[in-house]
mmCIF file of all heavy atoms, coordinates in Angstrom:
data_MODEL
# 
_entry.id   MODEL 
# 
loop_
_atom_site.group_PDB 
_atom_site.id 
_atom_site.type_symbol 
_atom_site.label_atom_id 
_atom_site.label_alt_id 
_atom_site.label_comp_id 
_atom_site.label_asym_id 
_atom_site.label_entity_id 
_atom_site.label_seq_id 
_atom_site.pdbx_PDB_ins_code 
_atom_site.Cartn_x 
_atom_site.Cartn_y 
_atom_site.Cartn_z 
_atom_site.occupancy 
_atom_site.B_iso_or_equiv 
_atom_site.pdbx_formal_charge 
_atom_site.auth_seq_id 
_atom_site.auth_comp_id 
_atom_site.auth_asym_id 
_atom_site.auth_atom_id 
_atom_site.pdbx_PDB_model_num 
ATOM 1   N N   . ALA A 1 1  ? 19.383 85.215  47.266 1.00 0.00 ? 1  ALA A N   1 
ATOM 2   C CA  . ALA A 1 1  ? 18.777 85.301  48.590 1.00 0.00 ? 1  ALA A CA  1 
ATOM 3   C C   . ALA A 1 1  ? 17.237 85.400  48.501 1.00 0.00 ? 1  ALA A C   1 
ATOM 4   O O   . ALA A 1 1  ? 16.545 85.039  49.462 1.00 0.00 ? 1  ALA A O   1 
ATOM 5   C CB  . ALA A 1 1  ? 19.306 86.517  49.402 1.00 0.00 ? 1  ALA A CB  1 
ATOM 6   N N   . ASP A 1 2  ? 16.765 85.822  47.377 1.00 0.00 ? 2  ASP A N   1 
ATOM 7   C CA  . ASP A 1 2  ? 15.304 86.128  47.247 1.00 0.00 ? 2  ASP A CA  1 
ATOM 8   C C   . ASP A 1 2  ? 14.852 85.624  45.813 1.00 0.00 ? 2  ASP A C   1 
ATOM 9   O O   . ASP A 1 2  ? 14.489 86.420  44.986 1.00 0.00 ? 2  ASP A O   1 
ATOM 10  C CB  . ASP A 1 2  ? 15.093 87.632  47.399 1.00 0.00 ? 2  ASP A CB  1 
ATOM 11  C CG  . ASP A 1 2  ? 13.625 88.028  47.195 1.00 0.00 ? 2  ASP A CG  1 
ATOM 12  O OD1 . ASP A 1 2  ? 12.747 87.212  47.456 1.00 0.00 ? 2  ASP A OD1 1 
ATOM 13  O OD2 . ASP A 1 2  ? 13.391 89.177  46.760 1.00 0.00 ? 2  ASP A OD2 1 
ATOM 14  N N   . PRO A 1 3  ? 14.834 84.306  45.579 1.00 0.00 ? 3  PRO A N   1 
ATOM 15  C CA  . PRO A 1 3  ? 14.435 83.829  44.261 1.00 0.00 ? 3  PRO A CA  1 
ATOM 16  C C   . PRO A 1 3  ? 13.000 84.135  43.915 1.00 0.00 ? 3  PRO A C   1 
ATOM 17  O O   . PRO A 1 3  ? 12.619 84.166  42.749 1.00 0.00 ? 3  PRO A O   1 
ATOM 18  C CB  . PRO A 1 3  ? 14.686 82.280  44.381 1.00 0.00 ? 3  PRO A CB  1 
ATOM 19  C CG  . PRO A 1 3  ? 14.563 81.975  45.835 1.00 0.00 ? 3  PRO A CG  1 
ATOM 20  C CD  . PRO A 1 3  ? 15.171 83.225  46.510 1.00 0.00 ? 3  PRO A CD  1 
ATOM 21  N N   . GLY A 1 4  ? 12.161 84.404  44.913 1.00 0.00 ? 4  GLY A N   1 
ATOM 22  C CA  . GLY A 1 4  ? 10.757 84.736  44.627 1.00 0.00 ? 4  GLY A CA  1 
ATOM 23  C C   . GLY A 1 4  ? 10.551 86.193  44.235 1.00 0.00 ? 4  GLY A C   1 
ATOM 24  O O   . GLY A 1 4  ? 9.401  86.604  43.966 1.00 0.00 ? 4  GLY A O   1 
ATOM 25  N N   . GLU A 1 5  ? 11.643 87.014  44.331 1.00 0.00 ? 5  GLU A N   1 
ATOM 26  C CA  . GLU A 1 5  ? 11.573 88.434  43.973 1.00 0.00 ? 5  GLU A CA  1 
ATOM 27  C C   . GLU A 1 5  ? 10.542 89.162  44.804 1.00 0.00 ? 5  GLU A C   1 
ATOM 28  O O   . GLU A 1 5  ? 9.679  89.888  44.298 1.00 0.00 ? 5  GLU A O   1 
ATOM 29  C CB  . GLU A 1 5  ? 11.291 88.609  42.492 1.00 0.00 ? 5  GLU A CB  1 
ATOM 30  C CG  . GLU A 1 5  ? 12.376 87.940  41.606 1.00 0.00 ? 5  GLU A CG  1 
ATOM 31  C CD  . GLU A 1 5  ? 12.113 88.183  40.130 1.00 0.00 ? 5  GLU A CD  1 
ATOM 32  O OE1 . GLU A 1 5  ? 11.333 89.080  39.773 1.00 0.00 ? 5  GLU A OE1 1 
ATOM 33  O OE2 . GLU A 1 5  ? 12.727 87.397  39.310 1.00 0.00 ? 5  GLU A OE2 1 
ATOM 34  N N   . LEU A 1 6  ? 10.640 88.980  46.124 1.00 0.00 ? 6  LEU A N   1 
ATOM 35  C CA  . LEU A 1 6  ? 9.671  89.627  47.050 1.00 0.00 ? 6  LEU A CA  1 
ATOM 36  C C   . LEU A 1 6  ? 10.230 90.880  47.696 1.00 0.00 ? 6  LEU A C   1 
ATOM 37  O O   . LEU A 1 6  ? 9.462  91.703  48.190 1.00 0.00 ? 6  LEU A O   1 
ATOM 38  C CB  . LEU A 1 6  ? 9.291  88.616  48.160 1.00 0.00 ? 6  LEU A CB  1 
ATOM 39  C CG  . LEU A 1 6  ? 8.683  87.295  47.636 1.00 0.00 ? 6  LEU A CG  1 
ATOM 40  C CD1 . LEU A 1 6  ? 8.374  86.397  48.835 1.00 0.00 ? 6  LEU A CD1 1 
ATOM 41  C CD2 . LEU A 1 6  ? 7.371  87.546  46.830 1.00 0.00 ? 6  LEU A CD2 1 
ATOM 42  N N   . ASP A 1 7  ? 11.532 91.001  47.743 1.00 0.00 ? 7  ASP A N   1 
ATOM 43  C CA  . ASP A 1 7  ? 12.202 92.132  48.437 1.00 0.00 ? 7  ASP A CA  1 
ATOM 44  C C   . ASP A 1 7  ? 12.916 93.018  47.458 1.00 0.00 ? 7  ASP A C   1 
ATOM 45  O O   . ASP A 1 7  ? 14.009 92.722  46.982 1.00 0.00 ? 7  ASP A O   1 
ATOM 46  C CB  . ASP A 1 7  ? 13.179 91.526  49.480 1.00 0.00 ? 7  ASP A CB  1 
ATOM 47  C CG  . ASP A 1 7  ? 13.854 92.657  50.318 1.00 0.00 ? 7  ASP A CG  1 
ATOM 48  O OD1 . ASP A 1 7  ? 13.316 93.776  50.340 1.00 0.00 ? 7  ASP A OD1 1 
ATOM 49  O OD2 . ASP A 1 7  ? 14.909 92.397  50.923 1.00 0.00 ? 7  ASP A OD2 1 
ATOM 50  N N   . ASP A 1 8  ? 12.282 94.164  47.118 1.00 0.00 ? 8  ASP A N   1 
ATOM 51  C CA  . ASP A 1 8  ? 12.921 95.139  46.218 1.00 0.00 ? 8  ASP A CA  1 
ATOM 52  C C   . ASP A 1 8  ? 13.924 95.931  46.939 1.00 0.00 ? 8  ASP A C   1 
ATOM 53  O O   . ASP A 1 8  ? 13.571 96.708  47.845 1.00 0.00 ? 8  ASP A O   1 
ATOM 54  C CB  . ASP A 1 8  ? 11.793 96.055  45.645 1.00 0.00 ? 8  ASP A CB  1 
ATOM 55  C CG  . ASP A 1 8  ? 12.377 97.070  44.722 1.00 0.00 ? 8  ASP A CG  1 
ATOM 56  O OD1 . ASP A 1 8  ? 13.581 97.077  44.399 1.00 0.00 ? 8  ASP A OD1 1 
ATOM 57  O OD2 . ASP A 1 8  ? 11.617 98.001  44.271 1.00 0.00 ? 8  ASP A OD2 1 
ATOM 58  N N   . LEU A 1 9  ? 15.181 95.725  46.621 1.00 0.00 ? 9  LEU A N   1 
ATOM 59  C CA  . LEU A 1 9  ? 16.293 96.368  47.329 1.00 0.00 ? 9  LEU A CA  1 
ATOM 60  C C   . LEU A 1 9  ? 16.355 97.860  47.102 1.00 0.00 ? 9  LEU A C   1 
ATOM 61  O O   . LEU A 1 9  ? 16.969 98.579  47.926 1.00 0.00 ? 9  LEU A O   1 
ATOM 62  C CB  . LEU A 1 9  ? 17.653 95.708  46.935 1.00 0.00 ? 9  LEU A CB  1 
ATOM 63  C CG  . LEU A 1 9  ? 17.735 94.228  47.273 1.00 0.00 ? 9  LEU A CG  1 
ATOM 64  C CD1 . LEU A 1 9  ? 19.093 93.660  46.792 1.00 0.00 ? 9  LEU A CD1 1 
ATOM 65  C CD2 . LEU A 1 9  ? 17.538 93.986  48.749 1.00 0.00 ? 9  LEU A CD2 1 
ATOM 66  N N   . PHE A 1 10 ? 15.750 98.419  46.057 1.00 0.00 ? 10 PHE A N   1 
ATOM 67  C CA  . PHE A 1 10 ? 15.789 99.835  45.868 1.00 0.00 ? 10 PHE A CA  1 
ATOM 68  C C   . PHE A 1 10 ? 14.967 100.570 46.930 1.00 0.00 ? 10 PHE A C   1 
ATOM 69  O O   . PHE A 1 10 ? 15.216 101.733 47.175 1.00 0.00 ? 10 PHE A O   1 
ATOM 70  C CB  . PHE A 1 10 ? 15.206 100.139 44.459 1.00 0.00 ? 10 PHE A CB  1 
ATOM 71  C CG  . PHE A 1 10 ? 16.193 99.958  43.353 1.00 0.00 ? 10 PHE A CG  1 
ATOM 72  C CD1 . PHE A 1 10 ? 15.768 99.670  42.081 1.00 0.00 ? 10 PHE A CD1 1 
ATOM 73  C CD2 . PHE A 1 10 ? 17.532 99.961  43.543 1.00 0.00 ? 10 PHE A CD2 1 
ATOM 74  C CE1 . PHE A 1 10 ? 16.665 99.436  41.017 1.00 0.00 ? 10 PHE A CE1 1 
ATOM 75  C CE2 . PHE A 1 10 ? 18.478 99.734  42.544 1.00 0.00 ? 10 PHE A CE2 1 
ATOM 76  C CZ  . PHE A 1 10 ? 17.997 99.498  41.287 1.00 0.00 ? 10 PHE A CZ  1 
ATOM 77  N N   . ARG A 1 11 ? 14.043 99.845  47.538 1.00 0.00 ? 11 ARG A N   1 
ATOM 78  C CA  . ARG A 1 11 ? 13.194 100.522 48.532 1.00 0.00 ? 11 ARG A CA  1 
ATOM 79  C C   . ARG A 1 11 ? 13.975 100.817 49.798 1.00 0.00 ? 11 ARG A C   1 
ATOM 80  O O   . ARG A 1 11 ? 13.517 101.595 50.629 1.00 0.00 ? 11 ARG A O   1 
ATOM 81  C CB  . ARG A 1 11 ? 11.992 99.645  48.855 1.00 0.00 ? 11 ARG A CB  1 
ATOM 82  C CG  . ARG A 1 11 ? 11.060 99.456  47.716 1.00 0.00 ? 11 ARG A CG  1 
ATOM 83  C CD  . ARG A 1 11 ? 9.833  98.692  48.059 1.00 0.00 ? 11 ARG A CD  1 
ATOM 84  N NE  . ARG A 1 11 ? 8.947  98.528  46.867 1.00 0.00 ? 11 ARG A NE  1 
ATOM 85  C CZ  . ARG A 1 11 ? 7.811  97.851  46.886 1.00 0.00 ? 11 ARG A CZ  1 
ATOM 86  N NH1 . ARG A 1 11 ? 7.403  97.237  47.941 1.00 0.00 ? 11 ARG A NH1 1 
ATOM 87  N NH2 . ARG A 1 11 ? 7.063  97.783  45.777 1.00 0.00 ? 11 ARG A NH2 1 
ATOM 88  N N   . SER A 1 12 ? 15.186 100.281 49.947 1.00 0.00 ? 12 SER A N   1 
ATOM 89  C CA  . SER A 1 12 ? 16.013 100.591 51.098 1.00 0.00 ? 12 SER A CA  1 
ATOM 90  C C   . SER A 1 12 ? 16.858 101.778 50.876 1.00 0.00 ? 12 SER A C   1 
ATOM 91  O O   . SER A 1 12 ? 17.682 102.153 51.693 1.00 0.00 ? 12 SER A O   1 
ATOM 92  C CB  . SER A 1 12 ? 16.884 99.408  51.421 1.00 0.00 ? 12 SER A CB  1 
ATOM 93  O OG  . SER A 1 12 ? 17.795 99.122  50.351 1.00 0.00 ? 12 SER A OG  1 
ATOM 94  N N   . GLY A 1 13 ? 16.700 102.451 49.690 1.00 0.00 ? 13 GLY A N   1 
ATOM 95  C CA  . GLY A 1 13 ? 17.445 103.675 49.388 1.00 0.00 ? 13 GLY A CA  1 
ATOM 96  C C   . GLY A 1 13 ? 18.732 103.460 48.626 1.00 0.00 ? 13 GLY A C   1 
ATOM 97  O O   . GLY A 1 13 ? 19.514 104.353 48.472 1.00 0.00 ? 13 GLY A O   1 
ATOM 98  N N   . GLU A 1 14 ? 18.945 102.233 48.142 1.00 0.00 ? 14 GLU A N   1 
ATOM 99  C CA  . GLU A 1 14 ? 20.144 101.967 47.358 1.00 0.00 ? 14 GLU A CA  1 
ATOM 100 C C   . GLU A 1 14 ? 20.173 102.729 46.057 1.00 0.00 ? 14 GLU A C   1 
ATOM 101 O O   . GLU A 1 14 ? 19.135 102.957 45.385 1.00 0.00 ? 14 GLU A O   1 
ATOM 102 C CB  . GLU A 1 14 ? 20.197 100.458 47.059 1.00 0.00 ? 14 GLU A CB  1 
ATOM 103 C CG  . GLU A 1 14 ? 21.429 100.059 46.208 1.00 0.00 ? 14 GLU A CG  1 
ATOM 104 C CD  . GLU A 1 14 ? 21.390 98.543  45.924 1.00 0.00 ? 14 GLU A CD  1 
ATOM 105 O OE1 . GLU A 1 14 ? 21.094 97.802  46.817 1.00 0.00 ? 14 GLU A OE1 1 
ATOM 106 O OE2 . GLU A 1 14 ? 21.677 98.202  44.755 1.00 0.00 ? 14 GLU A OE2 1 
ATOM 107 N N   . ASP A 1 15 ? 21.352 103.196 45.641 1.00 0.00 ? 15 ASP A N   1 
ATOM 108 C CA  . ASP A 1 15 ? 21.536 103.942 44.425 1.00 0.00 ? 15 ASP A CA  1 
ATOM 109 C C   . ASP A 1 15 ? 21.244 103.056 43.227 1.00 0.00 ? 15 ASP A C   1 
ATOM 110 O O   . ASP A 1 15 ? 21.704 101.953 43.192 1.00 0.00 ? 15 ASP A O   1 
ATOM 111 C CB  . ASP A 1 15 ? 22.978 104.510 44.358 1.00 0.00 ? 15 ASP A CB  1 
ATOM 112 C CG  . ASP A 1 15 ? 23.167 105.409 43.187 1.00 0.00 ? 15 ASP A CG  1 
ATOM 113 O OD1 . ASP A 1 15 ? 22.169 105.821 42.548 1.00 0.00 ? 15 ASP A OD1 1 
ATOM 114 O OD2 . ASP A 1 15 ? 24.308 105.689 42.769 1.00 0.00 ? 15 ASP A OD2 1 
ATOM 115 N N   . THR A 1 16 ? 20.470 103.593 42.304 1.00 0.00 ? 16 THR A N   1 
ATOM 116 C CA  . THR A 1 16 ? 20.071 102.768 41.101 1.00 0.00 ? 16 THR A CA  1 
ATOM 117 C C   . THR A 1 16 ? 21.066 102.914 39.970 1.00 0.00 ? 16 THR A C   1 
ATOM 118 O O   . THR A 1 16 ? 20.978 102.220 38.936 1.00 0.00 ? 16 THR A O   1 
ATOM 119 C CB  . THR A 1 16 ? 18.696 103.162 40.626 1.00 0.00 ? 16 THR A CB  1 
ATOM 120 O OG1 . THR A 1 16 ? 18.677 104.558 40.218 1.00 0.00 ? 16 THR A OG1 1 
ATOM 121 C CG2 . THR A 1 16 ? 17.664 103.011 41.728 1.00 0.00 ? 16 THR A CG2 1 
ATOM 122 N N   . GLN A 1 17 ? 22.010 103.907 40.014 1.00 0.00 ? 17 GLN A N   1 
ATOM 123 C CA  . GLN A 1 17 ? 22.748 104.247 38.860 1.00 0.00 ? 17 GLN A CA  1 
ATOM 124 C C   . GLN A 1 17 ? 23.657 103.100 38.318 1.00 0.00 ? 17 GLN A C   1 
ATOM 125 O O   . GLN A 1 17 ? 23.744 102.906 37.118 1.00 0.00 ? 17 GLN A O   1 
ATOM 126 C CB  . GLN A 1 17 ? 23.652 105.478 39.116 1.00 0.00 ? 17 GLN A CB  1 
ATOM 127 C CG  . GLN A 1 17 ? 24.371 106.027 37.912 1.00 0.00 ? 17 GLN A CG  1 
ATOM 128 C CD  . GLN A 1 17 ? 23.398 106.483 36.809 1.00 0.00 ? 17 GLN A CD  1 
ATOM 129 O OE1 . GLN A 1 17 ? 22.473 107.203 37.101 1.00 0.00 ? 17 GLN A OE1 1 
ATOM 130 N NE2 . GLN A 1 17 ? 23.650 106.024 35.584 1.00 0.00 ? 17 GLN A NE2 1 
ATOM 131 N N   . VAL A 1 18 ? 24.303 102.351 39.215 1.00 0.00 ? 18 VAL A N   1 
ATOM 132 C CA  . VAL A 1 18 ? 25.206 101.287 38.768 1.00 0.00 ? 18 VAL A CA  1 
ATOM 133 C C   . VAL A 1 18 ? 24.407 100.249 37.951 1.00 0.00 ? 18 VAL A C   1 
ATOM 134 O O   . VAL A 1 18 ? 24.913 99.675  36.993 1.00 0.00 ? 18 VAL A O   1 
ATOM 135 C CB  . VAL A 1 18 ? 25.903 100.608 39.973 1.00 0.00 ? 18 VAL A CB  1 
ATOM 136 C CG1 . VAL A 1 18 ? 24.921 99.985  40.941 1.00 0.00 ? 18 VAL A CG1 1 
ATOM 137 C CG2 . VAL A 1 18 ? 26.950 99.608  39.511 1.00 0.00 ? 18 VAL A CG2 1 
ATOM 138 N N   . HIS A 1 19 ? 23.196 99.995  38.313 1.00 0.00 ? 19 HIS A N   1 
ATOM 139 C CA  . HIS A 1 19 ? 22.337 99.037  37.587 1.00 0.00 ? 19 HIS A CA  1 
ATOM 140 C C   . HIS A 1 19 ? 21.797 99.591  36.310 1.00 0.00 ? 19 HIS A C   1 
ATOM 141 O O   . HIS A 1 19 ? 21.616 98.814  35.339 1.00 0.00 ? 19 HIS A O   1 
ATOM 142 C CB  . HIS A 1 19 ? 21.254 98.496  38.515 1.00 0.00 ? 19 HIS A CB  1 
ATOM 143 C CG  . HIS A 1 19 ? 21.729 97.959  39.792 1.00 0.00 ? 19 HIS A CG  1 
ATOM 144 N ND1 . HIS A 1 19 ? 22.498 96.783  39.865 1.00 0.00 ? 19 HIS A ND1 1 
ATOM 145 C CD2 . HIS A 1 19 ? 21.709 98.429  41.024 1.00 0.00 ? 19 HIS A CD2 1 
ATOM 146 C CE1 . HIS A 1 19 ? 22.803 96.528  41.112 1.00 0.00 ? 19 HIS A CE1 1 
ATOM 147 N NE2 . HIS A 1 19 ? 22.401 97.512  41.874 1.00 0.00 ? 19 HIS A NE2 1 
ATOM 148 N N   . ARG A 1 20 ? 21.584 100.871 36.288 1.00 0.00 ? 20 ARG A N   1 
ATOM 149 C CA  . ARG A 1 20 ? 21.234 101.498 34.958 1.00 0.00 ? 20 ARG A CA  1 
ATOM 150 C C   . ARG A 1 20 ? 22.384 101.400 33.991 1.00 0.00 ? 20 ARG A C   1 
ATOM 151 O O   . ARG A 1 20 ? 22.191 101.130 32.819 1.00 0.00 ? 20 ARG A O   1 
ATOM 152 C CB  . ARG A 1 20 ? 20.820 102.946 35.231 1.00 0.00 ? 20 ARG A CB  1 
ATOM 153 C CG  . ARG A 1 20 ? 19.534 103.171 35.997 1.00 0.00 ? 20 ARG A CG  1 
ATOM 154 C CD  . ARG A 1 20 ? 19.306 104.566 36.305 1.00 0.00 ? 20 ARG A CD  1 
ATOM 155 N NE  . ARG A 1 20 ? 18.114 104.749 37.140 1.00 0.00 ? 20 ARG A NE  1 
ATOM 156 C CZ  . ARG A 1 20 ? 17.830 105.862 37.798 1.00 0.00 ? 20 ARG A CZ  1 
ATOM 157 N NH1 . ARG A 1 20 ? 18.622 106.931 37.671 1.00 0.00 ? 20 ARG A NH1 1 
ATOM 158 N NH2 . ARG A 1 20 ? 16.727 105.941 38.532 1.00 0.00 ? 20 ARG A NH2 1 
ATOM 159 N N   . ASP A 1 21 ? 23.590 101.613 34.540 1.00 0.00 ? 21 ASP A N   1 
ATOM 160 C CA  . ASP A 1 21 ? 24.778 101.507 33.644 1.00 0.00 ? 21 ASP A CA  1 
ATOM 161 C C   . ASP A 1 21 ? 24.951 100.097 33.135 1.00 0.00 ? 21 ASP A C   1 
ATOM 162 O O   . ASP A 1 21 ? 25.285 99.870  31.958 1.00 0.00 ? 21 ASP A O   1 
ATOM 163 C CB  . ASP A 1 21 ? 25.993 101.900 34.403 1.00 0.00 ? 21 ASP A CB  1 
ATOM 164 C CG  . ASP A 1 21 ? 26.028 103.411 34.753 1.00 0.00 ? 21 ASP A CG  1 
ATOM 165 O OD1 . ASP A 1 21 ? 25.295 104.184 34.147 1.00 0.00 ? 21 ASP A OD1 1 
ATOM 166 O OD2 . ASP A 1 21 ? 26.794 103.786 35.651 1.00 0.00 ? 21 ASP A OD2 1 
ATOM 167 N N   . ALA A 1 22 ? 24.701 99.085  33.971 1.00 0.00 ? 22 ALA A N   1 
ATOM 168 C CA  . ALA A 1 22 ? 24.786 97.700  33.571 1.00 0.00 ? 22 ALA A CA  1 
ATOM 169 C C   . ALA A 1 22 ? 23.765 97.377  32.495 1.00 0.00 ? 22 ALA A C   1 
ATOM 170 O O   . ALA A 1 22 ? 24.023 96.624  31.521 1.00 0.00 ? 22 ALA A O   1 
ATOM 171 C CB  . ALA A 1 22 ? 24.619 96.763  34.729 1.00 0.00 ? 22 ALA A CB  1 
ATOM 172 N N   . ARG A 1 23 ? 22.584 97.965  32.634 1.00 0.00 ? 23 ARG A N   1 
ATOM 173 C CA  . ARG A 1 23 ? 21.521 97.700  31.602 1.00 0.00 ? 23 ARG A CA  1 
ATOM 174 C C   . ARG A 1 23 ? 21.944 98.329  30.278 1.00 0.00 ? 23 ARG A C   1 
ATOM 175 O O   . ARG A 1 23 ? 21.779 97.745  29.203 1.00 0.00 ? 23 ARG A O   1 
ATOM 176 C CB  . ARG A 1 23 ? 20.181 98.282  32.054 1.00 0.00 ? 23 ARG A CB  1 
ATOM 177 C CG  . ARG A 1 23 ? 19.049 98.073  31.064 1.00 0.00 ? 23 ARG A CG  1 
ATOM 178 C CD  . ARG A 1 23 ? 17.736 98.300  31.591 1.00 0.00 ? 23 ARG A CD  1 
ATOM 179 N NE  . ARG A 1 23 ? 17.553 99.580  32.219 1.00 0.00 ? 23 ARG A NE  1 
ATOM 180 C CZ  . ARG A 1 23 ? 16.394 100.212 32.406 1.00 0.00 ? 23 ARG A CZ  1 
ATOM 181 N NH1 . ARG A 1 23 ? 15.270 99.609  31.986 1.00 0.00 ? 23 ARG A NH1 1 
ATOM 182 N NH2 . ARG A 1 23 ? 16.285 101.383 32.946 1.00 0.00 ? 23 ARG A NH2 1 
ATOM 183 N N   . GLY A 1 24 ? 22.509 99.535  30.329 1.00 0.00 ? 24 GLY A N   1 
ATOM 184 C CA  . GLY A 1 24 ? 22.956 100.153 29.102 1.00 0.00 ? 24 GLY A CA  1 
ATOM 185 C C   . GLY A 1 24 ? 24.061 99.355  28.430 1.00 0.00 ? 24 GLY A C   1 
ATOM 186 O O   . GLY A 1 24 ? 24.135 99.193  27.194 1.00 0.00 ? 24 GLY A O   1 
ATOM 187 N N   . GLU A 1 25 ? 24.992 98.779  29.286 1.00 0.00 ? 25 GLU A N   1 
ATOM 188 C CA  . GLU A 1 25 ? 26.100 97.951  28.683 1.00 0.00 ? 25 GLU A CA  1 
ATOM 189 C C   . GLU A 1 25 ? 25.529 96.713  28.068 1.00 0.00 ? 25 GLU A C   1 
ATOM 190 O O   . GLU A 1 25 ? 25.936 96.345  26.947 1.00 0.00 ? 25 GLU A O   1 
ATOM 191 C CB  . GLU A 1 25 ? 27.047 97.575  29.857 1.00 0.00 ? 25 GLU A CB  1 
ATOM 192 C CG  . GLU A 1 25 ? 28.152 96.662  29.415 1.00 0.00 ? 25 GLU A CG  1 
ATOM 193 C CD  . GLU A 1 25 ? 28.972 96.115  30.564 1.00 0.00 ? 25 GLU A CD  1 
ATOM 194 O OE1 . GLU A 1 25 ? 28.807 96.611  31.697 1.00 0.00 ? 25 GLU A OE1 1 
ATOM 195 O OE2 . GLU A 1 25 ? 29.810 95.238  30.371 1.00 0.00 ? 25 GLU A OE2 1 
ATOM 196 N N   . ALA A 1 26 ? 24.533 96.090  28.684 1.00 0.00 ? 26 ALA A N   1 
ATOM 197 C CA  . ALA A 1 26 ? 23.972 94.841  28.146 1.00 0.00 ? 26 ALA A CA  1 
ATOM 198 C C   . ALA A 1 26 ? 23.176 95.068  26.878 1.00 0.00 ? 26 ALA A C   1 
ATOM 199 O O   . ALA A 1 26 ? 23.194 94.294  25.933 1.00 0.00 ? 26 ALA A O   1 
ATOM 200 C CB  . ALA A 1 26 ? 23.075 94.186  29.236 1.00 0.00 ? 26 ALA A CB  1 
ATOM 201 N N   . LEU A 1 27 ? 22.435 96.207  26.855 1.00 0.00 ? 27 LEU A N   1 
ATOM 202 C CA  . LEU A 1 27 ? 21.618 96.516  25.676 1.00 0.00 ? 27 LEU A CA  1 
ATOM 203 C C   . LEU A 1 27 ? 22.442 97.176  24.550 1.00 0.00 ? 27 LEU A C   1 
ATOM 204 O O   . LEU A 1 27 ? 21.930 97.270  23.414 1.00 0.00 ? 27 LEU A O   1 
ATOM 205 C CB  . LEU A 1 27 ? 20.470 97.405  26.084 1.00 0.00 ? 27 LEU A CB  1 
ATOM 206 C CG  . LEU A 1 27 ? 19.404 96.837  27.033 1.00 0.00 ? 27 LEU A CG  1 
ATOM 207 C CD1 . LEU A 1 27 ? 18.456 97.877  27.493 1.00 0.00 ? 27 LEU A CD1 1 
ATOM 208 C CD2 . LEU A 1 27 ? 18.618 95.748  26.265 1.00 0.00 ? 27 LEU A CD2 1 
# 
């Protein structure tokens, strides 16, 4: 929806933990 990376979804108050877990899994 946002290929230009203009809308940071974390600013809407979304929980960041699930994406931190995904980063740990990938790394």
